[in-house]
Amino acid sequence: MSNNDILKKLRVALSLKTEDIITICDLVGFKVTKAELGDIFRNEDHENFKPCGDQILRNFLNGLVIYKRGPRDEKKQ
């Protein structure tokens, strides 16, 4: 399963729109455009298809944790 497939399945399972994914990536300081996401969500045989890199998926998943649970509480030492 490719990173593109994982991102597509998460988008459908969580009922996320493109704007939601951009917001989630912004939570961790990662900028992604609507056009880049459109290229990632295209079929592999389309001329504008772009493979989803590890960096995009990693930042999306880290942002998703913040989006769903909130920011991490810092423990006092």
PDB file of N, CA and C in Angstrom:
ATOM      1  N   MET A   1       0.859  -1.174   0.000  1.00  0.00           N
ATOM      2  CA  MET A   1       0.000   0.000   0.000  1.00  0.00           C
ATOM      3  C   MET A   1       0.905   1.237   0.000  1.00  0.00           C
ATOM      4  N   SER A   2       0.639   2.149  -0.892  1.00  0.00           N
ATOM      5  CA  SER A   2       1.469   3.353  -1.010  1.00  0.00           C
ATOM      6  C   SER A   2       0.999   4.443  -0.043  1.00  0.00           C
ATOM      7  N   ASN A   3       1.827   5.451   0.116  1.00  0.00           N
ATOM      8  CA  ASN A   3       1.460   6.596   0.956  1.00  0.00           C
ATOM      9  C   ASN A   3       0.217   7.279   0.404  1.00  0.00           C
ATOM     10  N   ASN A   4       0.084   7.306  -0.921  1.00  0.00           N
ATOM     11  CA  ASN A   4      -1.106   7.909  -1.533  1.00  0.00           C
ATOM     12  C   ASN A   4      -2.365   7.159  -1.101  1.00  0.00           C
ATOM     13  N   ASP A   5      -2.296   5.829  -1.117  1.00  0.00           N
ATOM     14  CA  ASP A   5      -3.448   5.023  -0.715  1.00  0.00           C
ATOM     15  C   ASP A   5      -3.809   5.267   0.752  1.00  0.00           C
ATOM     16  N   ILE A   6      -2.800   5.344   1.608  1.00  0.00           N
ATOM     17  CA  ILE A   6      -3.042   5.574   3.038  1.00  0.00           C
ATOM     18  C   ILE A   6      -3.729   6.924   3.244  1.00  0.00           C
ATOM     19  N   LEU A   7      -3.210   7.966   2.587  1.00  0.00           N
ATOM     20  CA  LEU A   7      -3.792   9.299   2.733  1.00  0.00           C
ATOM     21  C   LEU A   7      -5.224   9.342   2.198  1.00  0.00           C
ATOM     22  N   LYS A   8      -5.467   8.679   1.066  1.00  0.00           N
ATOM     23  CA  LYS A   8      -6.820   8.625   0.496  1.00  0.00           C
ATOM     24  C   LYS A   8      -7.787   7.922   1.440  1.00  0.00           C
ATOM     25  N   LYS A   9      -7.367   6.799   2.000  1.00  0.00           N
ATOM     26  CA  LYS A   9      -8.241   6.031   2.883  1.00  0.00           C
ATOM     27  C   LYS A   9      -8.539   6.788   4.170  1.00  0.00           C
ATOM     28  N   LEU A  10      -7.547   7.495   4.710  1.00  0.00           N
ATOM     29  CA  LEU A  10      -7.780   8.305   5.910  1.00  0.00           C
ATOM     30  C   LEU A  10      -8.727   9.467   5.613  1.00  0.00           C
ATOM     31  N   ARG A  11      -8.574  10.062   4.438  1.00  0.00           N
ATOM     32  CA  ARG A  11      -9.457  11.172   4.056  1.00  0.00           C
ATOM     33  C   ARG A  11     -10.910  10.704   4.000  1.00  0.00           C
ATOM     34  N   VAL A  12     -11.138   9.537   3.417  1.00  0.00           N
ATOM     35  CA  VAL A  12     -12.502   9.009   3.301  1.00  0.00           C
ATOM     36  C   VAL A  12     -13.018   8.563   4.672  1.00  0.00           C
ATOM     37  N   ALA A  13     -12.192   7.845   5.432  1.00  0.00           N
ATOM     38  CA  ALA A  13     -12.628   7.307   6.725  1.00  0.00           C
ATOM     39  C   ALA A  13     -12.976   8.416   7.716  1.00  0.00           C
ATOM     40  N   LEU A  14     -12.253   9.530   7.655  1.00  0.00           N
ATOM     41  CA  LEU A  14     -12.488  10.629   8.592  1.00  0.00           C
ATOM     42  C   LEU A  14     -13.346  11.739   8.000  1.00  0.00           C
ATOM     43  N   SER A  15     -13.831  11.544   6.785  1.00  0.00           N
ATOM     44  CA  SER A  15     -14.667  12.520   6.074  1.00  0.00           C
ATOM     45  C   SER A  15     -14.004  13.895   6.034  1.00  0.00           C
ATOM     46  N   LEU A  16     -12.754  13.918   5.605  1.00  0.00           N
ATOM     47  CA  LEU A  16     -11.997  15.163   5.544  1.00  0.00           C
ATOM     48  C   LEU A  16     -12.070  15.760   4.149  1.00  0.00           C
ATOM     49  N   LYS A  17     -12.148  17.080   4.102  1.00  0.00           N
ATOM     50  CA  LYS A  17     -12.088  17.800   2.837  1.00  0.00           C
ATOM     51  C   LYS A  17     -10.658  18.280   2.641  1.00  0.00           C
ATOM     52  N   THR A  18     -10.353  18.761   1.474  1.00  0.00           N
ATOM     53  CA  THR A  18      -9.002  19.241   1.173  1.00  0.00           C
ATOM     54  C   THR A  18      -8.598  20.358   2.132  1.00  0.00           C
ATOM     55  N   GLU A  19      -9.525  21.254   2.438  1.00  0.00           N
ATOM     56  CA  GLU A  19      -9.237  22.356   3.355  1.00  0.00           C
ATOM     57  C   GLU A  19      -8.917  21.833   4.755  1.00  0.00           C
ATOM     58  N   ASP A  20      -9.572  20.750   5.164  1.00  0.00           N
ATOM     59  CA  ASP A  20      -9.297  20.144   6.468  1.00  0.00           C
ATOM     60  C   ASP A  20      -7.875  19.588   6.512  1.00  0.00           C
ATOM     61  N   ILE A  21      -7.446  18.961   5.429  1.00  0.00           N
ATOM     62  CA  ILE A  21      -6.093  18.399   5.380  1.00  0.00           C
ATOM     63  C   ILE A  21      -5.060  19.516   5.416  1.00  0.00           C
ATOM     64  N   ILE A  22      -5.322  20.617   4.736  1.00  0.00           N
ATOM     65  CA  ILE A  22      -4.416  21.768   4.778  1.00  0.00           C
ATOM     66  C   ILE A  22      -4.329  22.316   6.194  1.00  0.00           C
ATOM     67  N   THR A  23      -5.461  22.426   6.879  1.00  0.00           N
ATOM     68  CA  THR A  23      -5.487  22.903   8.260  1.00  0.00           C
ATOM     69  C   THR A  23      -4.717  21.966   9.179  1.00  0.00           C
ATOM     70  N   ILE A  24      -4.895  20.670   8.996  1.00  0.00           N
ATOM     71  CA  ILE A  24      -4.202  19.674   9.830  1.00  0.00           C
ATOM     72  C   ILE A  24      -2.687  19.792   9.633  1.00  0.00           C
ATOM     73  N   CYS A  25      -2.240  19.963   8.416  1.00  0.00           N
ATOM     74  CA  CYS A  25      -0.805  20.103   8.157  1.00  0.00           C
ATOM     75  C   CYS A  25      -0.268  21.420   8.733  1.00  0.00           C
ATOM     76  N   ASP A  26      -1.090  22.459   8.711  1.00  0.00           N
ATOM     77  CA  ASP A  26      -0.681  23.740   9.290  1.00  0.00           C
ATOM     78  C   ASP A  26      -0.455  23.643  10.797  1.00  0.00           C
ATOM     79  N   LEU A  27      -1.132  22.720  11.460  1.00  0.00           N
ATOM     80  CA  LEU A  27      -0.985  22.574  12.912  1.00  0.00           C
ATOM     81  C   LEU A  27       0.442  22.197  13.313  1.00  0.00           C
ATOM     82  N   VAL A  28       1.168  21.561  12.423  1.00  0.00           N
ATOM     83  CA  VAL A  28       2.555  21.186  12.711  1.00  0.00           C
ATOM     84  C   VAL A  28       3.543  22.050  11.926  1.00  0.00           C
ATOM     85  N   GLY A  29       3.043  23.120  11.316  1.00  0.00           N
ATOM     86  CA  GLY A  29       3.914  24.038  10.597  1.00  0.00           C
ATOM     87  C   GLY A  29       4.343  23.556   9.229  1.00  0.00           C
ATOM     88  N   PHE A  30       3.594  22.645   8.634  1.00  0.00           N
ATOM     89  CA  PHE A  30       3.908  22.118   7.312  1.00  0.00           C
ATOM     90  C   PHE A  30       2.932  22.709   6.314  1.00  0.00           C
ATOM     91  N   LYS A  31       3.449  23.401   5.321  1.00  0.00           N
ATOM     92  CA  LYS A  31       2.610  24.041   4.310  1.00  0.00           C
ATOM     93  C   LYS A  31       2.423  23.123   3.114  1.00  0.00           C
ATOM     94  N   VAL A  32       1.186  22.913   2.750  1.00  0.00           N
ATOM     95  CA  VAL A  32       0.842  22.135   1.557  1.00  0.00           C
ATOM     96  C   VAL A  32      -0.289  22.880   0.854  1.00  0.00           C
ATOM     97  N   THR A  33      -0.256  22.898  -0.467  1.00  0.00           N
ATOM     98  CA  THR A  33      -1.262  23.634  -1.217  1.00  0.00           C
ATOM     99  C   THR A  33      -2.382  22.704  -1.680  1.00  0.00           C
ATOM    100  N   LYS A  34      -3.462  23.322  -2.057  1.00  0.00           N
ATOM    101  CA  LYS A  34      -4.609  22.574  -2.570  1.00  0.00           C
ATOM    102  C   LYS A  34      -4.245  21.860  -3.873  1.00  0.00           C
ATOM    103  N   ALA A  35      -3.412  22.494  -4.691  1.00  0.00           N
ATOM    104  CA  ALA A  35      -2.992  21.887  -5.961  1.00  0.00           C
ATOM    105  C   ALA A  35      -2.130  20.650  -5.714  1.00  0.00           C
ATOM    106  N   GLU A  36      -1.230  20.718  -4.729  1.00  0.00           N
ATOM    107  CA  GLU A  36      -0.395  19.554  -4.414  1.00  0.00           C
ATOM    108  C   GLU A  36      -1.251  18.378  -3.956  1.00  0.00           C
ATOM    109  N   LEU A  37      -2.238  18.666  -3.108  1.00  0.00           N
ATOM    110  CA  LEU A  37      -3.119  17.603  -2.632  1.00  0.00           C
ATOM    111  C   LEU A  37      -3.938  17.026  -3.776  1.00  0.00           C
ATOM    112  N   GLY A  38      -4.372  17.881  -4.686  1.00  0.00           N
ATOM    113  CA  GLY A  38      -5.115  17.399  -5.850  1.00  0.00           C
ATOM    114  C   GLY A  38      -4.290  16.431  -6.676  1.00  0.00           C
ATOM    115  N   ASP A  39      -3.001  16.734  -6.837  1.00  0.00           N
ATOM    116  CA  ASP A  39      -2.111  15.840  -7.588  1.00  0.00           C
ATOM    117  C   ASP A  39      -1.897  14.524  -6.856  1.00  0.00           C
ATOM    118  N   ILE A  40      -1.845  14.565  -5.539  1.00  0.00           N
ATOM    119  CA  ILE A  40      -1.654  13.350  -4.742  1.00  0.00           C
ATOM    120  C   ILE A  40      -2.881  12.443  -4.825  1.00  0.00           C
ATOM    121  N   PHE A  41      -4.065  13.030  -4.874  1.00  0.00           N
ATOM    122  CA  PHE A  41      -5.295  12.245  -4.878  1.00  0.00           C
ATOM    123  C   PHE A  41      -5.717  11.773  -6.276  1.00  0.00           C
ATOM    124  N   ARG A  42      -4.954  12.093  -7.290  1.00  0.00           N
ATOM    125  CA  ARG A  42      -5.271  11.637  -8.654  1.00  0.00           C
ATOM    126  C   ARG A  42      -4.944  10.157  -8.813  1.00  0.00           C
ATOM    127  N   ASN A  43      -5.468   9.548  -9.881  1.00  0.00           N
ATOM    128  CA  ASN A  43      -5.129   8.163 -10.211  1.00  0.00           C
ATOM    129  C   ASN A  43      -3.685   8.099 -10.687  1.00  0.00           C
ATOM    130  N   GLU A  44      -3.057   6.952 -10.479  1.00  0.00           N
ATOM    131  CA  GLU A  44      -1.645   6.797 -10.832  1.00  0.00           C
ATOM    132  C   GLU A  44      -1.372   6.961 -12.318  1.00  0.00           C
ATOM    133  N   ASP A  45      -2.364   6.682 -13.150  1.00  0.00           N
ATOM    134  CA  ASP A  45      -2.138   6.791 -14.593  1.00  0.00           C
ATOM    135  C   ASP A  45      -2.387   8.202 -15.134  1.00  0.00           C
ATOM    136  N   HIS A  46      -2.770   9.141 -14.284  1.00  0.00           N
ATOM    137  CA  HIS A  46      -3.004  10.524 -14.713  1.00  0.00           C
ATOM    138  C   HIS A  46      -1.661  11.228 -14.877  1.00  0.00           C
ATOM    139  N   GLU A  47      -1.571  12.118 -15.860  1.00  0.00           N
ATOM    140  CA  GLU A  47      -0.294  12.783 -16.150  1.00  0.00           C
ATOM    141  C   GLU A  47       0.170  13.711 -15.019  1.00  0.00           C
ATOM    142  N   ASN A  48      -0.735  14.227 -14.203  1.00  0.00           N
ATOM    143  CA  ASN A  48      -0.365  15.127 -13.112  1.00  0.00           C
ATOM    144  C   ASN A  48      -0.273  14.424 -11.763  1.00  0.00           C
ATOM    145  N   PHE A  49      -0.298  13.103 -11.765  1.00  0.00           N
ATOM    146  CA  PHE A  49      -0.185  12.340 -10.524  1.00  0.00           C
ATOM    147  C   PHE A  49       1.160  12.632  -9.847  1.00  0.00           C
ATOM    148  N   LYS A  50       1.105  12.777  -8.531  1.00  0.00           N
ATOM    149  CA  LYS A  50       2.324  13.012  -7.752  1.00  0.00           C
ATOM    150  C   LYS A  50       2.344  12.013  -6.604  1.00  0.00           C
ATOM    151  N   PRO A  51       3.434  11.267  -6.456  1.00  0.00           N
ATOM    152  CA  PRO A  51       3.507  10.341  -5.323  1.00  0.00           C
ATOM    153  C   PRO A  51       3.580  11.109  -4.007  1.00  0.00           C
ATOM    154  N   CYS A  52       2.901  10.599  -3.003  1.00  0.00           N
ATOM    155  CA  CYS A  52       2.897  11.213  -1.677  1.00  0.00           C
ATOM    156  C   CYS A  52       4.185  10.795  -0.968  1.00  0.00           C
ATOM    157  N   GLY A  53       4.998  11.756  -0.644  1.00  0.00           N
ATOM    158  CA  GLY A  53       6.255  11.466   0.026  1.00  0.00           C
ATOM    159  C   GLY A  53       6.053  11.159   1.504  1.00  0.00           C
ATOM    160  N   ASP A  54       7.085  10.599   2.101  1.00  0.00           N
ATOM    161  CA  ASP A  54       7.037  10.274   3.527  1.00  0.00           C
ATOM    162  C   ASP A  54       6.845  11.525   4.375  1.00  0.00           C
ATOM    163  N   GLN A  55       7.445  12.644   3.965  1.00  0.00           N
ATOM    164  CA  GLN A  55       7.354  13.873   4.734  1.00  0.00           C
ATOM    165  C   GLN A  55       5.914  14.377   4.814  1.00  0.00           C
ATOM    166  N   ILE A  56       5.198  14.335   3.716  1.00  0.00           N
ATOM    167  CA  ILE A  56       3.808  14.797   3.710  1.00  0.00           C
ATOM    168  C   ILE A  56       2.961  13.912   4.614  1.00  0.00           C
ATOM    169  N   LEU A  57       3.085  12.605   4.470  1.00  0.00           N
ATOM    170  CA  LEU A  57       2.288  11.687   5.282  1.00  0.00           C
ATOM    171  C   LEU A  57       2.643  11.808   6.758  1.00  0.00           C
ATOM    172  N   ARG A  58       3.934  11.902   7.078  1.00  0.00           N
ATOM    173  CA  ARG A  58       4.372  12.031   8.469  1.00  0.00           C
ATOM    174  C   ARG A  58       3.806  13.299   9.110  1.00  0.00           C
ATOM    175  N   ASN A  59       3.903  14.420   8.414  1.00  0.00           N
ATOM    176  CA  ASN A  59       3.385  15.669   8.966  1.00  0.00           C
ATOM    177  C   ASN A  59       1.865  15.652   9.078  1.00  0.00           C
ATOM    178  N   PHE A  60       1.199  15.013   8.113  1.00  0.00           N
ATOM    179  CA  PHE A  60      -0.253  14.890   8.205  1.00  0.00           C
ATOM    180  C   PHE A  60      -0.649  14.073   9.437  1.00  0.00           C
ATOM    181  N   LEU A  61       0.020  12.958   9.662  1.00  0.00           N
ATOM    182  CA  LEU A  61      -0.308  12.105  10.812  1.00  0.00           C
ATOM    183  C   LEU A  61      -0.019  12.804  12.134  1.00  0.00           C
ATOM    184  N   ASN A  62       1.094  13.537  12.212  1.00  0.00           N
ATOM    185  CA  ASN A  62       1.387  14.296  13.426  1.00  0.00           C
ATOM    186  C   ASN A  62       0.352  15.391  13.661  1.00  0.00           C
ATOM    187  N   GLY A  63      -0.062  16.063  12.589  1.00  0.00           N
ATOM    188  CA  GLY A  63      -1.101  17.079  12.697  1.00  0.00           C
ATOM    189  C   GLY A  63      -2.449  16.482  13.048  1.00  0.00           C
ATOM    190  N   LEU A  64      -2.719  15.279  12.571  1.00  0.00           N
ATOM    191  CA  LEU A  64      -3.978  14.609  12.857  1.00  0.00           C
ATOM    192  C   LEU A  64      -4.116  14.303  14.346  1.00  0.00           C
ATOM    193  N   VAL A  65      -3.014  13.955  14.978  1.00  0.00           N
ATOM    194  CA  VAL A  65      -3.026  13.709  16.428  1.00  0.00           C
ATOM    195  C   VAL A  65      -3.424  14.988  17.160  1.00  0.00           C
ATOM    196  N   ILE A  66      -2.851  16.109  16.776  1.00  0.00           N
ATOM    197  CA  ILE A  66      -3.190  17.390  17.404  1.00  0.00           C
ATOM    198  C   ILE A  66      -4.632  17.769  17.095  1.00  0.00           C
ATOM    199  N   TYR A  67      -5.068  17.540  15.868  1.00  0.00           N
ATOM    200  CA  TYR A  67      -6.421  17.874  15.427  1.00  0.00           C
ATOM    201  C   TYR A  67      -7.474  17.102  16.233  1.00  0.00           C
ATOM    202  N   LYS A  68      -7.186  15.830  16.512  1.00  0.00           N
ATOM    203  CA  LYS A  68      -8.157  14.991  17.211  1.00  0.00           C
ATOM    204  C   LYS A  68      -8.049  15.073  18.733  1.00  0.00           C
ATOM    205  N   ARG A  69      -6.823  15.158  19.283  1.00  0.00           N
ATOM    206  CA  ARG A  69      -6.628  15.130  20.733  1.00  0.00           C
ATOM    207  C   ARG A  69      -6.306  16.477  21.342  1.00  0.00           C
ATOM    208  N   GLY A  70      -5.830  17.405  20.558  1.00  0.00           N
ATOM    209  CA  GLY A  70      -5.385  18.688  21.064  1.00  0.00           C
ATOM    210  C   GLY A  70      -3.880  18.671  21.249  1.00  0.00           C
ATOM    211  N   PRO A  71      -3.310  19.839  21.547  1.00  0.00           N
ATOM    212  CA  PRO A  71      -1.853  19.907  21.704  1.00  0.00           C
ATOM    213  C   PRO A  71      -1.377  19.107  22.903  1.00  0.00           C
ATOM    214  N   ARG A  72      -0.136  18.668  22.811  1.00  0.00           N
ATOM    215  CA  ARG A  72       0.451  17.844  23.866  1.00  0.00           C
ATOM    216  C   ARG A  72       0.708  18.678  25.114  1.00  0.00           C
ATOM    217  N   ASP A  73       0.315  18.138  26.270  1.00  0.00           N
ATOM    218  CA  ASP A  73       0.576  18.812  27.526  1.00  0.00           C
ATOM    219  C   ASP A  73       2.017  18.569  27.929  1.00  0.00           C
ATOM    220  N   GLU A  74       2.710  19.636  28.274  1.00  0.00           N
ATOM    221  CA  GLU A  74       4.091  19.491  28.726  1.00  0.00           C
ATOM    222  C   GLU A  74       4.096  19.145  30.204  1.00  0.00           C
ATOM    223  N   LYS A  75       4.833  18.092  30.557  1.00  0.00           N
ATOM    224  CA  LYS A  75       4.932  17.673  31.959  1.00  0.00           C
ATOM    225  C   LYS A  75       5.968  18.533  32.659  1.00  0.00           C
ATOM    226  N   LYS A  76       5.667  18.942  33.866  1.00  0.00           N
ATOM    227  CA  LYS A  76       6.616  19.726  34.656  1.00  0.00           C
ATOM    228  C   LYS A  76       7.623  18.791  35.278  1.00  0.00           C
ATOM    229  N   GLN A  77       8.894  19.214  35.263  1.00  0.00           N
ATOM    230  CA  GLN A  77       9.941  18.362  35.835  1.00  0.00           C
ATOM    231  C   GLN A  77      10.592  19.020  37.003  1.00  0.00           C
TER     232      GLN A  77
END
